[in-house]
Protein backbone atom coordinates (compact mmCIF):
# COMPACT_ATOMS: atom_id res chain seq x y z
CA MET A 1 0.00 0.00 0.00
CA GLU A 2 2.83 2.39 0.87
CA ASN A 3 4.59 1.65 -2.42
CA ARG A 4 1.40 2.35 -4.34
CA ARG A 5 0.99 5.72 -2.64
CA HIS A 6 4.62 6.52 -3.33
CA GLU A 7 4.18 5.72 -7.02
CA GLN A 8 1.02 7.81 -7.25
CA LYS A 9 2.83 10.87 -5.88
CA ASN A 10 5.56 10.75 -8.51
CA TYR A 11 4.29 13.98 -10.05
CA GLU A 12 4.08 17.72 -9.47
CA LYS A 13 0.92 19.77 -9.04
CA LYS A 14 0.02 23.39 -9.55
CA ALA A 15 -3.24 25.25 -8.95
CA VAL A 16 -4.55 27.23 -11.90
CA THR A 17 -7.43 28.99 -10.16
CA ILE A 18 -9.38 28.94 -6.89
CA ARG A 19 -12.86 30.45 -6.81
CA ARG A 20 -15.66 30.87 -4.32
CA VAL A 21 -18.94 29.56 -5.68
CA ALA A 22 -22.47 29.69 -4.28
CA LYS A 23 -25.42 27.37 -4.70
CA VAL A 24 -28.89 28.77 -4.02
CA THR A 25 -31.08 26.31 -2.11
CA ALA A 26 -34.38 26.55 -0.25
CA GLY A 27 -32.52 27.31 2.96
CA GLY A 28 -30.43 30.06 1.36
CA LYS A 29 -27.03 30.33 -0.32
CA ARG A 30 -24.55 27.51 0.12
CA LEU A 31 -20.98 28.81 -0.18
CA ARG A 32 -18.26 26.45 -1.38
CA PHE A 33 -14.85 26.65 -3.07
CA SER A 34 -13.85 25.41 -6.50
CA ALA A 35 -10.23 24.74 -7.51
CA MET A 36 -8.60 23.66 -10.76
CA VAL A 37 -5.31 21.76 -10.46
CA VAL A 38 -2.87 20.58 -13.12
CA ALA A 39 -0.73 17.52 -12.31
CA GLY A 40 2.18 16.24 -14.38
CA ASP A 41 5.54 14.50 -14.23
CA LYS A 42 7.21 16.97 -16.67
CA ASN A 43 8.04 14.02 -18.89
CA GLY A 44 5.06 13.81 -21.24
CA SER A 45 2.26 13.00 -18.77
CA VAL A 46 -0.30 15.58 -17.63
CA GLY A 47 -3.80 15.70 -16.18
CA ILE A 48 -6.28 18.40 -15.15
CA ALA A 49 -9.34 18.35 -12.91
CA LEU A 50 -11.80 20.51 -10.97
CA GLY A 51 -12.53 19.95 -7.30
CA ARG A 52 -15.05 21.48 -4.92
CA GLY A 53 -15.14 21.57 -1.14
CA VAL A 54 -16.27 23.49 1.90
CA ASP A 55 -12.81 25.09 2.12
CA THR A 56 -9.86 25.67 -0.20
CA ARG A 57 -7.85 22.78 1.22
CA SER A 58 -10.51 20.14 0.58
CA ALA A 59 -11.15 21.56 -2.90
CA MET A 60 -7.43 21.39 -3.74
CA GLU A 61 -7.11 17.83 -2.44
CA LYS A 62 -10.08 16.62 -4.49
CA ALA A 63 -8.79 18.33 -7.62
CA GLU A 64 -5.29 16.89 -7.11
CA ARG A 65 -6.59 13.33 -6.71
CA ARG A 66 -8.74 13.59 -9.82
CA ALA A 67 -5.96 15.20 -11.88
CA ALA A 68 -3.47 12.48 -10.86
CA LYS A 69 -6.04 9.81 -11.70
CA ASN A 70 -6.74 11.37 -15.11
CA MET A 71 -3.09 11.82 -16.13
CA LYS A 72 -2.50 10.86 -19.75
CA LYS A 73 0.56 10.50 -21.94
CA ILE A 74 0.94 13.03 -24.73
CA GLN A 75 3.07 12.74 -27.86
CA VAL A 76 5.98 15.18 -27.83
CA ILE A 77 9.17 15.39 -29.88
CA GLY A 78 12.18 16.25 -27.77
CA ASP A 79 11.30 19.44 -25.91
CA THR A 80 8.51 20.69 -28.19
CA ILE A 81 5.31 19.55 -29.91
CA PRO A 82 5.43 17.64 -33.22
CA HIS A 83 3.24 19.96 -35.31
CA GLU A 84 0.97 23.00 -35.29
CA ILE A 85 -2.53 22.46 -33.95
CA ARG A 86 -5.65 24.54 -33.38
CA MET A 87 -8.23 23.46 -30.80
CA LYS A 88 -11.58 24.82 -29.63
CA HIS A 89 -13.37 24.22 -26.34
CA GLY A 90 -16.56 26.18 -25.80
CA ALA A 91 -15.78 29.84 -26.39
CA ALA A 92 -12.02 29.29 -25.93
CA GLN A 93 -9.68 28.63 -28.82
CA VAL A 94 -5.90 28.10 -28.75
CA LEU A 95 -3.21 27.76 -31.39
CA LEU A 96 -0.04 25.77 -30.59
CA ARG A 97 3.12 25.89 -32.70
CA PRO A 98 6.53 24.24 -32.28
CA ALA A 99 9.39 26.57 -31.30
CA LYS A 100 13.16 26.49 -31.73
CA PRO A 101 15.45 25.51 -28.83
CA GLY A 102 15.88 28.40 -26.42
CA ALA A 103 12.57 30.08 -27.27
CA GLY A 104 10.89 28.92 -24.06
CA ILE A 105 7.16 28.73 -23.37
CA ILE A 106 5.41 31.76 -24.86
CA ALA A 107 1.84 31.43 -23.61
CA GLY A 108 -0.75 32.78 -21.19
CA SER A 109 -0.87 31.78 -17.54
CA ALA A 110 -3.43 28.96 -17.87
CA SER A 111 -1.87 27.41 -20.97
CA ARG A 112 1.65 27.86 -19.58
CA THR A 113 0.83 25.78 -16.50
CA VAL A 114 -0.42 22.85 -18.60
CA LEU A 115 2.58 23.01 -20.94
CA GLU A 116 5.08 23.19 -18.07
CA MET A 117 3.57 20.22 -16.24
CA ALA A 118 3.67 18.23 -19.50
CA GLY A 119 7.43 18.85 -19.81
CA ILE A 120 7.29 20.98 -22.97
CA GLN A 121 10.07 23.59 -22.92
CA ASN A 122 9.80 25.40 -26.28
CA VAL A 123 6.39 26.22 -27.75
CA TYR A 124 4.24 29.12 -28.94
CA CYS A 125 0.65 29.28 -27.68
CA LYS A 126 -1.90 31.89 -28.72
CA GLN A 127 -5.34 32.31 -27.13
CA LEU A 128 -7.74 33.26 -29.90
CA GLY A 129 -11.09 33.12 -28.11
CA SER A 130 -12.35 33.68 -24.59
CA ASN A 131 -10.01 34.68 -21.76
CA ASP A 132 -11.68 32.34 -19.28
CA ILE A 133 -8.98 30.47 -17.34
CA ILE A 134 -10.83 27.16 -17.00
CA SER A 135 -11.90 27.04 -20.65
CA ASN A 136 -8.37 27.80 -21.87
CA THR A 137 -6.92 25.14 -19.56
CA TYR A 138 -9.25 22.48 -20.95
CA CYS A 139 -8.63 23.72 -24.49
CA THR A 140 -4.83 23.45 -24.12
CA PHE A 141 -5.13 19.99 -22.60
CA ASN A 142 -7.36 18.79 -25.45
CA ALA A 143 -4.90 20.22 -27.99
CA LEU A 144 -2.03 18.28 -26.41
CA MET A 145 -4.08 15.08 -26.43
CA ALA A 146 -4.76 15.50 -30.18
CA LEU A 147 -1.05 15.65 -31.12
CA ARG A 148 0.26 12.87 -33.38
CA LYS A 149 4.00 12.55 -33.97
CA ASP A 150 4.14 9.41 -36.16
CA ARG A 151 3.16 11.12 -39.40
CA VAL A 152 5.49 14.04 -38.67
CA LEU A 153 8.57 11.91 -37.96
CA LYS A 154 8.18 10.10 -41.28
CA ARG A 155 8.37 13.35 -43.23
CA MET A 156 10.45 15.78 -41.17
CA ARG A 157 14.12 15.02 -40.62
CA ILE A 158 14.52 18.13 -38.44
CA MET A 159 12.25 16.72 -35.76
CA GLN A 160 14.25 13.49 -35.66
CA GLU A 161 17.42 15.52 -35.16
CA ARG A 162 15.63 17.44 -32.41
CA ILE A 163 14.99 14.23 -30.47
CA GLY A 164 18.64 13.22 -30.74
CA LEU A 165 19.76 16.68 -29.63
CA LYS A 166 17.59 16.58 -26.51
CA GLU A 167 18.82 13.10 -25.57
CA LYS A 168 22.42 14.23 -26.04
CA MET A 169 21.86 17.33 -23.88
CA ASP A 170 20.29 15.21 -21.14
CA GLU A 171 23.26 12.82 -21.15
CA GLU A 172 25.75 15.72 -21.00
CA ARG A 173 23.84 17.29 -18.13
CA LYS A 174 23.90 14.03 -16.18
CA ALA A 175 27.64 13.57 -16.84
CA GLN A 176 28.42 17.11 -15.67
CA GLU A 177 26.36 16.60 -12.53
CA ALA A 178 28.18 13.34 -11.73
CA LYS A 179 31.56 15.00 -12.36
CA ARG A 180 30.68 17.93 -10.10
CA ARG A 181 29.61 15.63 -7.26
CA LYS A 182 32.80 13.58 -7.61
CA SER A 183 35.00 16.69 -7.50
CA GLN A 184 33.19 17.98 -4.41
CA LYS A 185 33.69 14.61 -2.74
CA ASN A 186 37.42 14.58 -3.57
CA THR A 187 37.98 18.15 -2.35
CA GLY A 188 36.28 17.27 0.93
CA ARG A 189 38.60 14.29 1.42
CA ASP A 190 41.72 16.33 0.54
CA SER A 191 40.82 19.07 3.00
CA ARG A 192 40.33 16.52 5.79
CA ASP A 193 43.66 14.83 4.96
CA ASN A 194 45.49 18.16 4.96
CA ARG A 195 44.08 19.04 8.35
CA GLY A 196 45.24 15.73 9.77
CA ASN A 197 48.71 16.10 8.26
CA ASN A 198 49.11 19.62 9.56
CA ARG A 199 48.13 18.61 13.06
CA GLY A 200 50.19 15.43 13.21
CA GLY A 201 53.14 16.82 11.25
CA GLY A 202 53.53 19.87 13.46
CA ARG A 203 53.62 17.82 16.64
CA GLY A 204 56.10 15.34 15.17
CA ASN A 205 58.46 18.12 14.06
CA ASN A 206 58.34 19.76 17.47
CA ARG A 207 59.15 16.48 19.20
CA ASN A 208 62.07 15.82 16.85
CA ASN A 209 63.46 19.30 17.51
CA ILE A 210 63.19 18.78 21.27
CA ASN A 211 64.98 15.41 21.08
CA THR A 212 67.83 16.81 18.96
CA ASN A 213 68.29 19.71 21.39
CA ARG A 214 68.46 17.32 24.34
CA ASN A 215 71.05 15.14 22.60
CA ALA A 216 73.17 18.17 21.79
CA VAL A 217 73.10 19.32 25.42
CA ARG A 218 74.12 15.86 26.65
CA LYS A 219 77.06 15.72 24.25
CA THR A 220 78.38 19.12 25.36
CA THR A 221 78.14 18.19 29.05
CA THR A 222 80.03 14.90 28.53
CA LYS A 223 82.81 16.71 26.65
CA LYS A 224 83.29 19.22 29.47
CA LYS A 225 83.64 16.44 32.02
């Protein structure tokens, strides 16, 4: 059971919006809170969900559980999307385009959160319809789910090179990190060894000097006698 919980929490979460909502009943208004959360592992898996509760904490927890349960794998190429796509959800409409390395995520707040949690690093996103946060979040998620990279990889050699470039950069980053940790470990050992040598060496030299002085004094006294 503990391992299952540990596996389920192998993701990051981020709240997109938290609102206070009211439901009119016969007894009066019933105030509650609504939260939208995006969950993702930043490696091609992302999920979104709405949660409601009597307070913000319960609403966030419900939304997080649902988002983690609804996480789905999207098709990406390296650090960007495979092709341009336009998606509509209600009154919201978004346009996604691949971007060159180093461009970053150029998007609005709602779309940016979904793209970041999915692990996409370079992409252009334009909101063409409504500015509603929830609608744009769903619209961006649906656009990512509609991506297909198989047909693109067959035709575009640049995208294949992009995948190889990202894998190479990841390997170089891991090698540099391992080298840095090894150098820090070695410097720590050297500093400890130097401290020990300085302490022990100083005492040994002082003792040798004292012994030589004593021997010299003894020799001079024996000669005088």
